[in-house]
Amino acid sequence: MSIKKHQIYSAFGLTIFSEHPLPELELSAGKPDVNIRYGTVPEHLEKPDFTAVRFEASHGDFLLRVDGVARFRVKNGNEIIIDKKAEIQDHDVTLFLMGSAIGALLHQRGILPVHGSSVCRDGEAIIFAGVSGAGKSTLAGAFIKKGYQLLADDISAIVLDDQKEPVVLPGYPQIKLWADALKKLGENPKAYKTLRIGIDKRKLPVRESFCNFPHPVKAIVVLSSHNGNEKEVEKINGTDRFNIIKNQTYRFNYLEGLGQKDQHFILAGKAAGSIPIFRLKRPAKEFDPEKLADYLLEEVFKPV
């Protein structure tokens, strides 16, 4: 089926009208919460409250510059304007649109974006968080092979439900994996499209293993590696819990100019106070995602 432009999609609990094609997302209908369109984006904001190398921000206004690709302007949590280079392929734009630009939009809407991948089963979600390269997406892929469903990859958007409990909103049915990670999961990297030319990270569609409704958060597992030979897992207590939520917030530096720090503090505090958080350390020289999934299921998530 060919994907037409000007489609309506759903992602992160939002209905999105987009002039830019987003075939990775689920199609939707209804009145859009967010409009994505092509247009002219200036080099700079007029009076930014915060300026960094690649972005500028003020309350309700955010500008992202991606050299050689596009400029993105994100406004009031309901609009993204794309000013792309004429020769740039759509998938190059999508990579930054559904990453940094959508991250700024989520912050503008008062949503907590955790830098992590989420899976769900039995009505609950697990978030695998950590720095880039920690293995978040790979571990999510291993859990999917064990019968879980994907909720989100790379950005897990948290809001409070009607009972004021944190839930993860569904992202879209795709995992981004490096070629060696696909091999660890028993997949042939050549069977999947690359994210960008020259980067051997690939798109793994998981539409049949995707859950498109919010789930309460059962736990956050922060991934890291160490020089030891054993896997270690510890439950985090006290004030360290809030610091972990802060440190695992996707594009936390955007908050300085967007004026959303107070909202972030409230939501991060609620998440830290009610979600069990674990730190998982694995040997740096070894990463077997299926064995790591088995270890977590036995040591942390084994039914009582």
Protein backbone atom coordinates (compact mmCIF):
# COMPACT_ATOMS: atom_id res chain seq x y z
CA MET A 1 0.00 0.00 0.00
CA SER A 2 1.41 3.40 -0.92
CA ILE A 3 1.54 6.02 1.80
CA LYS A 4 0.04 9.34 0.78
CA LYS A 5 1.08 12.66 2.16
CA HIS A 6 -1.31 14.67 4.33
CA GLN A 7 -2.19 11.64 6.43
CA ILE A 8 -3.50 11.57 9.97
CA TYR A 9 -1.48 9.39 12.35
CA SER A 10 -1.36 8.47 16.02
CA ALA A 11 1.66 8.39 18.34
CA PHE A 12 2.28 9.19 22.00
CA GLY A 13 -1.44 9.50 22.66
CA LEU A 14 -1.74 12.25 20.06
CA THR A 15 -3.61 12.52 16.78
CA ILE A 16 -1.14 13.97 14.28
CA PHE A 17 -1.85 15.57 10.90
CA SER A 18 1.31 15.56 8.82
CA GLU A 19 2.28 16.85 5.40
CA HIS A 20 5.49 14.88 5.85
CA PRO A 21 4.96 11.14 5.24
CA LEU A 22 5.32 9.00 8.37
CA PRO A 23 4.73 5.40 7.23
CA GLU A 24 6.21 4.06 10.48
CA LEU A 25 3.26 5.44 12.46
CA GLU A 26 -0.23 4.04 12.89
CA LEU A 27 -2.92 5.67 10.74
CA SER A 28 -5.67 7.44 12.62
CA ALA A 29 -8.64 9.78 12.18
CA GLY A 30 -10.30 12.67 13.92
CA LYS A 31 -9.39 16.21 14.90
CA PRO A 32 -5.60 16.58 15.12
CA ASP A 33 -3.83 17.49 18.35
CA VAL A 34 -0.68 18.26 16.38
CA ASN A 35 -0.09 19.66 12.90
CA ILE A 36 3.19 18.94 11.08
CA ARG A 37 3.74 20.98 7.94
CA TYR A 38 6.41 22.25 5.60
CA GLY A 39 7.25 25.92 5.76
CA THR A 40 9.92 28.54 6.31
CA VAL A 41 11.88 28.34 9.56
CA PRO A 42 14.30 31.17 10.44
CA GLU A 43 17.92 30.61 11.39
CA HIS A 44 17.22 31.98 14.88
CA LEU A 45 14.35 32.82 17.20
CA GLU A 46 13.86 36.53 17.79
CA LYS A 47 14.35 36.51 21.56
CA PRO A 48 15.28 33.03 22.79
CA ASP A 49 15.46 32.44 26.53
CA PHE A 50 18.09 29.74 26.00
CA THR A 51 20.57 29.18 23.19
CA ALA A 52 22.71 26.12 22.50
CA VAL A 53 24.77 25.00 19.52
CA ARG A 54 21.90 23.34 17.65
CA PHE A 55 18.76 24.66 19.29
CA GLU A 56 17.12 27.75 20.74
CA ALA A 57 14.13 27.81 23.06
CA SER A 58 11.67 30.12 24.71
CA HIS A 59 8.29 29.56 26.30
CA GLY A 60 6.12 27.82 23.69
CA ASP A 61 8.71 28.13 20.94
CA PHE A 62 11.62 25.89 19.99
CA LEU A 63 13.99 25.87 17.02
CA LEU A 64 16.21 22.92 16.07
CA ARG A 65 18.92 23.12 13.40
CA VAL A 66 20.21 19.89 11.84
CA ASP A 67 23.03 20.79 9.49
CA GLY A 68 22.51 19.57 5.95
CA VAL A 69 19.04 18.16 6.72
CA ALA A 70 16.44 20.64 7.96
CA ARG A 71 15.38 23.22 10.50
CA PHE A 72 12.42 22.41 12.75
CA ARG A 73 10.24 24.87 14.65
CA VAL A 74 8.05 23.45 17.41
CA LYS A 75 5.34 25.74 18.73
CA ASN A 76 2.94 25.55 21.69
CA GLY A 77 2.87 21.75 21.79
CA ASN A 78 0.63 21.56 18.73
CA GLU A 79 2.68 22.48 15.66
CA ILE A 80 5.95 21.43 14.00
CA ILE A 81 7.18 23.32 10.94
CA ILE A 82 9.80 21.62 8.75
CA ASP A 83 12.14 23.63 6.54
CA LYS A 84 14.11 20.89 4.77
CA LYS A 85 16.85 20.91 2.20
CA ALA A 86 15.45 20.14 -1.26
CA GLU A 87 17.76 17.20 -1.90
CA ILE A 88 17.24 15.49 1.47
CA GLN A 89 15.35 12.20 1.61
CA ASP A 90 12.19 11.91 3.70
CA HIS A 91 13.66 9.27 6.02
CA ASP A 92 16.53 11.62 6.97
CA VAL A 93 13.98 14.22 8.04
CA THR A 94 11.87 11.64 9.88
CA LEU A 95 14.82 10.56 12.03
CA PHE A 96 15.10 14.01 13.61
CA LEU A 97 11.39 14.84 13.44
CA MET A 98 10.39 11.80 15.48
CA GLY A 99 13.38 12.21 17.78
CA SER A 100 14.50 15.63 18.97
CA ALA A 101 11.59 17.63 17.48
CA ILE A 102 8.87 15.40 18.91
CA GLY A 103 10.80 15.38 22.20
CA ALA A 104 10.52 19.17 22.37
CA LEU A 105 6.81 18.96 21.56
CA LEU A 106 6.21 16.45 24.36
CA HIS A 107 7.98 18.76 26.81
CA GLN A 108 5.80 21.65 25.63
CA ARG A 109 2.70 19.57 26.34
CA GLY A 110 3.84 18.75 29.87
CA ILE A 111 4.50 15.10 29.04
CA LEU A 112 7.52 13.37 30.61
CA PRO A 113 9.62 11.76 27.86
CA VAL A 114 11.93 9.11 29.32
CA HIS A 115 14.90 8.07 27.20
CA GLY A 116 13.89 4.44 27.11
CA SER A 117 12.07 1.66 25.31
CA SER A 118 8.90 0.15 26.76
CA VAL A 119 7.29 -3.27 26.55
CA CYS A 120 4.06 -4.48 28.08
CA ARG A 121 2.23 -7.62 29.13
CA ASP A 122 -0.63 -8.42 31.50
CA GLY A 123 -1.71 -4.78 31.58
CA GLU A 124 1.61 -3.35 32.81
CA ALA A 125 4.65 -1.72 31.19
CA ILE A 126 8.38 -2.03 31.79
CA ILE A 127 10.67 0.78 30.67
CA PHE A 128 14.30 0.03 29.79
CA ALA A 129 16.19 3.31 30.18
CA GLY A 130 19.81 4.32 29.77
CA VAL A 131 22.28 6.27 27.70
CA SER A 132 22.56 5.77 23.95
CA GLY A 133 24.12 2.39 23.25
CA ALA A 134 23.12 0.87 26.60
CA GLY A 135 20.95 -1.75 24.88
CA LYS A 136 17.46 -0.41 25.54
CA SER A 137 15.98 -1.31 22.15
CA THR A 138 17.84 -4.61 21.94
CA LEU A 139 16.54 -5.73 25.33
CA ALA A 140 13.02 -4.65 24.35
CA GLY A 141 13.41 -6.82 21.25
CA ALA A 142 14.40 -9.79 23.41
CA PHE A 143 11.33 -9.32 25.62
CA ILE A 144 9.13 -9.19 22.52
CA LYS A 145 10.54 -12.55 21.48
CA LYS A 146 9.39 -13.82 24.89
CA GLY A 147 5.79 -12.77 24.33
CA TYR A 148 5.74 -9.12 25.36
CA GLN A 149 4.45 -6.31 23.14
CA LEU A 150 6.17 -3.06 22.22
CA LEU A 151 4.79 0.18 23.63
CA ALA A 152 7.53 2.58 22.56
CA ASP A 153 11.12 2.66 21.34
CA ASP A 154 13.70 5.20 22.50
CA ILE A 155 11.13 7.68 23.87
CA SER A 156 8.67 6.46 26.51
CA ALA A 157 6.13 9.22 27.13
CA ILE A 158 4.69 9.26 30.66
CA VAL A 159 1.54 11.07 31.80
CA LEU A 160 -0.74 10.72 34.81
CA ASP A 161 -4.02 8.87 34.33
CA ASP A 162 -7.36 9.77 35.91
CA GLN A 163 -6.18 8.23 39.19
CA LYS A 164 -3.00 10.35 39.06
CA GLU A 165 -0.86 7.27 38.43
CA PRO A 166 1.90 7.27 35.79
CA VAL A 167 1.17 5.49 32.53
CA VAL A 168 3.20 5.06 29.34
CA LEU A 169 1.59 6.27 26.12
CA PRO A 170 2.02 4.10 23.01
CA GLY A 171 4.67 5.30 20.57
CA TYR A 172 4.66 3.60 17.18
CA PRO A 173 5.36 0.04 15.99
CA GLN A 174 9.04 0.16 15.12
CA ILE A 175 12.34 -0.57 16.85
CA LYS A 176 15.63 0.96 15.69
CA LEU A 177 18.53 -1.49 16.01
CA TRP A 178 22.16 -1.66 14.98
CA ALA A 179 23.07 -4.53 12.67
CA ASP A 180 24.94 -6.44 15.38
CA ALA A 181 21.93 -6.12 17.72
CA LEU A 182 19.66 -7.61 15.06
CA LYS A 183 22.05 -10.53 14.73
CA LYS A 184 21.93 -11.09 18.50
CA LEU A 185 18.15 -11.35 18.18
CA GLY A 186 18.47 -13.90 15.37
CA GLU A 187 17.52 -11.45 12.61
CA ASN A 188 19.20 -10.78 9.27
CA PRO A 189 20.10 -7.05 9.13
CA LYS A 190 19.95 -7.05 5.33
CA ALA A 191 16.22 -7.78 5.53
CA TYR A 192 15.53 -4.33 7.02
CA LYS A 193 15.91 -0.75 5.78
CA THR A 194 18.58 1.52 7.21
CA LEU A 195 17.67 4.72 9.04
CA ARG A 196 20.09 6.83 6.99
CA ILE A 197 22.63 6.23 4.27
CA GLY A 198 26.00 5.48 5.85
CA ILE A 199 24.54 4.44 9.22
CA ASP A 200 24.07 0.73 9.81
CA LYS A 201 21.13 1.18 12.16
CA ARG A 202 17.95 -0.38 10.84
CA LYS A 203 14.18 -0.23 11.16
CA LEU A 204 12.51 -3.33 12.61
CA PRO A 205 8.71 -3.14 12.16
CA VAL A 206 6.72 -4.82 14.95
CA ARG A 207 3.10 -4.07 14.02
CA GLU A 208 1.93 -7.52 15.05
CA SER A 209 3.59 -7.13 18.46
CA PHE A 210 2.52 -3.55 19.19
CA CYS A 211 0.10 -2.37 21.86
CA ASN A 212 -1.68 0.88 21.03
CA PHE A 213 -3.14 1.89 24.39
CA PRO A 214 -1.56 3.30 27.59
CA HIS A 215 -0.21 1.03 30.32
CA PRO A 216 0.63 1.72 33.97
CA VAL A 217 4.34 1.48 34.67
CA LYS A 218 5.37 -1.67 36.53
CA ALA A 219 9.05 -0.71 36.71
CA ILE A 220 11.89 1.27 35.18
CA VAL A 221 15.13 -0.65 34.60
CA VAL A 222 18.20 1.53 34.02
CA LEU A 223 20.82 -0.30 31.96
CA SER A 224 24.57 0.08 32.36
CA SER A 225 27.72 -1.99 31.97
CA HIS A 226 30.71 -2.70 34.22
CA ASN A 227 34.07 -4.44 34.06
CA GLY A 228 32.97 -7.39 36.19
CA ASN A 229 31.91 -10.81 34.96
CA GLU A 230 28.49 -11.05 36.59
CA LYS A 231 25.12 -9.45 36.07
CA GLU A 232 23.96 -7.30 38.97
CA VAL A 233 20.58 -5.76 39.72
CA GLU A 234 19.68 -3.45 42.59
CA LYS A 235 16.54 -1.65 43.60
CA ILE A 236 16.96 2.12 43.88
CA ASN A 237 15.59 3.86 46.94
CA GLY A 238 15.43 7.36 48.38
CA THR A 239 16.32 10.56 46.56
CA ASP A 240 18.31 8.63 43.97
CA ARG A 241 14.98 7.72 42.39
CA PHE A 242 14.20 11.32 41.44
CA ASN A 243 17.73 11.87 40.16
CA ILE A 244 17.43 8.82 37.92
CA ILE A 245 14.16 10.11 36.43
CA LYS A 246 15.82 13.47 35.84
CA ASN A 247 18.92 11.93 34.28
CA GLN A 248 16.86 9.63 32.05
CA THR A 249 14.61 12.43 30.76
CA TYR A 250 14.86 12.69 26.99
CA ARG A 251 16.42 16.00 25.96
CA PHE A 252 16.38 17.35 29.51
CA ASN A 253 18.42 20.37 28.39
CA TYR A 254 15.45 21.60 26.36
CA LEU A 255 13.56 22.42 29.56
CA GLU A 256 15.80 25.37 30.43
CA GLY A 257 14.40 27.57 27.69
CA LEU A 258 10.93 26.06 27.32
CA GLY A 259 9.83 27.10 30.80
CA GLN A 260 8.65 23.59 31.67
CA LYS A 261 10.90 22.81 34.62
CA ASP A 262 8.14 23.15 37.22
CA GLN A 263 5.82 20.81 35.32
CA HIS A 264 8.68 18.37 34.80
CA PHE A 265 9.53 18.47 38.53
CA ILE A 266 5.94 17.60 39.48
CA LEU A 267 5.61 14.74 37.01
CA ALA A 268 9.12 13.39 37.64
CA GLY A 269 8.49 13.50 41.39
CA LYS A 270 5.25 11.56 41.01
CA ALA A 271 6.95 9.00 38.79
CA ALA A 272 9.88 8.64 41.20
CA GLY A 273 7.53 8.23 44.13
CA SER A 274 5.36 5.49 42.66
CA ILE A 275 7.38 3.53 40.09
CA PRO A 276 9.84 0.85 41.27
CA ILE A 277 13.25 1.61 39.77
CA PHE A 278 16.09 -0.86 39.30
CA ARG A 279 19.67 -0.50 38.08
CA LEU A 280 20.93 -3.40 35.98
CA LYS A 281 24.67 -3.79 35.40
CA ARG A 282 25.94 -6.25 32.82
CA PRO A 283 29.48 -7.24 31.84
CA ALA A 284 30.80 -4.74 29.28
CA LYS A 285 32.40 -7.49 27.23
CA GLU A 286 29.24 -9.56 26.93
CA PHE A 287 25.71 -8.64 25.89
CA ASP A 288 23.37 -11.55 25.27
CA PRO A 289 19.92 -9.86 25.22
CA GLU A 290 17.91 -13.07 25.58
CA LYS A 291 19.93 -14.24 28.60
CA LEU A 292 19.63 -10.76 30.07
CA ALA A 293 15.86 -10.88 29.59
CA ASP A 294 15.74 -14.28 31.30
CA TYR A 295 17.79 -12.90 34.18
CA LEU A 296 15.42 -9.98 34.71
CA LEU A 297 12.35 -12.19 34.48
CA GLU A 298 13.82 -14.47 37.13
CA GLU A 299 15.40 -11.92 39.47
CA VAL A 300 13.00 -8.97 39.23
CA PHE A 301 9.75 -9.89 37.50
CA LYS A 302 9.19 -13.48 38.56
CA PRO A 303 5.55 -13.90 39.66
CA VAL A 304 5.16 -14.22 43.42
